[in-house]
């Protein structure tokens, strides 16, 4: 069945303005931090993104090492020391560090914590290199990755 032109327009709009990436980012932060006042938290997060975009200052990457370890441990509920490739890809997607259509190579081995941390840091640095966060000692992601120009 062919997609209607209206549906295609909607998809194009969402893609052009990176709405799905923004919603994924907001949802991930909301679920990770689980604030008592979620609406106020989201408004605050959007405001910080807006200010960072206006000032050109990179927005802080909110996942530090302890957060990454906690995320891995939640996925490794059986304490095997590894997560599946599917979990790994979904985690990178949730963190905004890969796209759903990006092709990642599955070597058939489970993903260890070290590999997971290494990949998160590497991809975060790549984002920093494309943004004003370049050269920053802390891992940051710029709002340009989330908010359209």
Protein backbone atom coordinates (compact mmCIF):
# COMPACT_ATOMS: atom_id res chain seq x y z
CA UNK A 1 0.00 0.00 0.00
CA UNK A 2 1.44 3.36 -1.01
CA UNK A 3 1.94 6.00 1.62
CA UNK A 4 -0.21 9.05 1.27
CA UNK A 5 1.49 12.31 0.47
CA UNK A 6 0.30 13.68 3.83
CA UNK A 7 2.02 10.82 5.69
CA UNK A 8 5.19 11.39 3.70
CA UNK A 9 5.04 15.13 4.46
CA UNK A 10 4.74 14.31 8.15
CA UNK A 11 7.74 11.94 8.02
CA UNK A 12 9.79 14.51 6.11
CA UNK A 13 8.89 17.20 8.63
CA UNK A 14 9.88 15.04 11.60
CA UNK A 15 13.15 14.09 9.93
CA UNK A 16 14.00 17.63 8.81
CA UNK A 17 13.50 19.04 12.29
CA UNK A 18 15.00 16.03 14.09
CA UNK A 19 11.89 15.71 16.24
CA UNK A 20 12.32 11.98 16.93
CA UNK A 21 15.91 12.48 18.13
CA UNK A 22 14.76 15.26 20.44
CA UNK A 23 11.89 13.18 21.82
CA UNK A 24 14.20 10.18 22.34
CA UNK A 25 16.67 12.42 24.17
CA UNK A 26 13.98 13.92 26.42
CA UNK A 27 12.39 10.56 27.13
CA UNK A 28 15.73 8.91 27.92
CA UNK A 29 16.64 11.66 30.38
CA UNK A 30 13.21 11.55 31.96
CA UNK A 31 13.34 7.79 32.46
CA UNK A 32 16.93 7.81 33.65
CA UNK A 33 16.58 10.60 36.24
CA UNK A 34 12.89 10.03 37.09
CA UNK A 35 12.35 13.49 38.59
CA UNK A 36 9.48 14.08 41.02
CA UNK A 37 8.08 16.79 38.74
CA UNK A 38 8.54 15.43 35.21
CA UNK A 39 6.86 18.32 33.38
CA UNK A 40 8.98 20.92 35.16
CA UNK A 41 12.09 18.83 34.50
CA UNK A 42 11.31 18.62 30.77
CA UNK A 43 10.63 22.36 30.56
CA UNK A 44 13.93 23.01 32.33
CA UNK A 45 15.80 20.63 30.03
CA UNK A 46 14.31 22.26 26.93
CA UNK A 47 15.19 25.69 28.27
CA UNK A 48 18.81 24.63 28.88
CA UNK A 49 18.96 23.25 25.34
CA UNK A 50 17.57 26.51 23.96
CA UNK A 51 20.02 28.64 25.94
CA UNK A 52 22.94 26.48 24.90
CA UNK A 53 21.92 26.83 21.26
CA UNK A 54 21.57 30.63 21.51
CA UNK A 55 24.89 31.10 23.30
CA UNK A 56 26.75 28.51 21.25
CA UNK A 57 27.95 26.78 24.40
CA UNK A 58 27.91 23.00 24.26
CA UNK A 59 25.25 21.33 26.37
CA UNK A 60 26.66 18.88 28.92
CA UNK A 61 26.45 15.22 28.12
CA UNK A 62 24.46 13.83 31.01
CA UNK A 63 25.85 10.31 31.16
CA UNK A 64 28.95 10.01 33.29
CA UNK A 65 30.83 6.76 33.97
CA UNK A 66 28.61 5.73 36.88
CA UNK A 67 25.50 6.30 34.75
CA UNK A 68 26.94 4.19 31.94
CA UNK A 69 27.80 1.38 34.36
CA UNK A 70 24.29 1.55 35.88
CA UNK A 71 22.72 1.40 32.42
CA UNK A 72 24.83 -1.63 31.52
CA UNK A 73 23.97 -3.37 34.80
CA UNK A 74 20.25 -2.82 34.21
CA UNK A 75 20.56 -4.51 30.82
CA UNK A 76 22.72 -7.33 32.27
CA UNK A 77 20.03 -8.47 34.69
CA UNK A 78 21.46 -12.02 34.90
CA UNK A 79 24.94 -10.70 35.81
CA UNK A 80 26.65 -12.56 32.95
CA UNK A 81 29.02 -9.65 32.39
CA UNK A 82 27.74 -9.16 28.86
CA UNK A 83 24.71 -7.78 27.07
CA UNK A 84 23.31 -8.82 23.72
CA UNK A 85 24.10 -7.00 20.51
CA UNK A 86 20.44 -5.94 20.28
CA UNK A 87 20.58 -4.40 23.78
CA UNK A 88 23.84 -2.68 22.90
CA UNK A 89 22.47 -1.13 19.72
CA UNK A 90 19.26 -0.05 21.45
CA UNK A 91 21.24 1.57 24.28
CA UNK A 92 23.38 3.54 21.79
CA UNK A 93 20.22 4.58 19.98
CA UNK A 94 18.55 5.65 23.23
CA UNK A 95 21.59 7.74 24.14
CA UNK A 96 21.45 9.39 20.73
CA UNK A 97 24.81 7.89 19.77
CA UNK A 98 23.61 5.96 16.73
CA UNK A 99 20.66 6.02 14.40
CA UNK A 100 18.14 3.23 13.99
CA UNK A 101 19.31 2.66 10.42
CA UNK A 102 23.05 2.67 11.23
CA UNK A 103 24.68 -0.64 10.41
CA UNK A 104 26.74 -1.99 13.31
CA UNK A 105 28.71 -5.20 12.95
CA UNK A 106 27.74 -8.01 15.28
CA UNK A 107 30.81 -10.21 15.86
CA UNK A 108 28.69 -12.85 17.58
CA UNK A 109 30.17 -12.19 21.02
CA UNK A 110 28.37 -10.53 23.89
CA UNK A 111 29.14 -6.89 24.60
CA UNK A 112 31.19 -6.42 27.78
CA UNK A 113 31.02 -3.41 30.06
CA UNK A 114 34.44 -2.27 28.86
CA UNK A 115 33.38 -2.45 25.21
CA UNK A 116 30.13 -0.63 26.01
CA UNK A 117 31.93 2.18 27.88
CA UNK A 118 34.57 2.44 25.17
CA UNK A 119 31.96 2.76 22.43
CA UNK A 120 29.88 5.33 24.36
CA UNK A 121 32.98 7.47 24.99
CA UNK A 122 34.22 7.13 21.40
CA UNK A 123 30.87 8.11 19.90
CA UNK A 124 30.48 10.99 22.35
CA UNK A 125 33.91 12.33 21.39
CA UNK A 126 32.91 12.12 17.73
CA UNK A 127 29.86 14.26 18.48
CA UNK A 128 32.06 16.71 20.37
CA UNK A 129 34.38 16.91 17.39
CA UNK A 130 31.48 18.01 15.19
CA UNK A 131 30.31 20.63 17.69
CA UNK A 132 31.60 23.51 19.74
CA UNK A 133 32.45 21.00 22.46
CA UNK A 134 35.59 20.22 20.45
CA UNK A 135 38.64 20.06 22.66
CA UNK A 136 36.60 19.98 25.82
CA UNK A 137 37.90 17.78 28.61
CA UNK A 138 34.39 16.78 29.60
CA UNK A 139 32.12 14.81 27.30
CA UNK A 140 29.50 17.09 25.84
CA UNK A 141 26.93 17.08 23.11
CA UNK A 142 25.86 20.29 21.48
CA UNK A 143 22.27 21.29 21.05
CA UNK A 144 22.78 21.36 17.32
CA UNK A 145 22.54 17.58 17.47
CA UNK A 146 19.07 17.87 19.00
CA UNK A 147 17.58 21.19 17.97
CA UNK A 148 17.24 22.22 14.34
CA UNK A 149 18.93 25.35 13.06
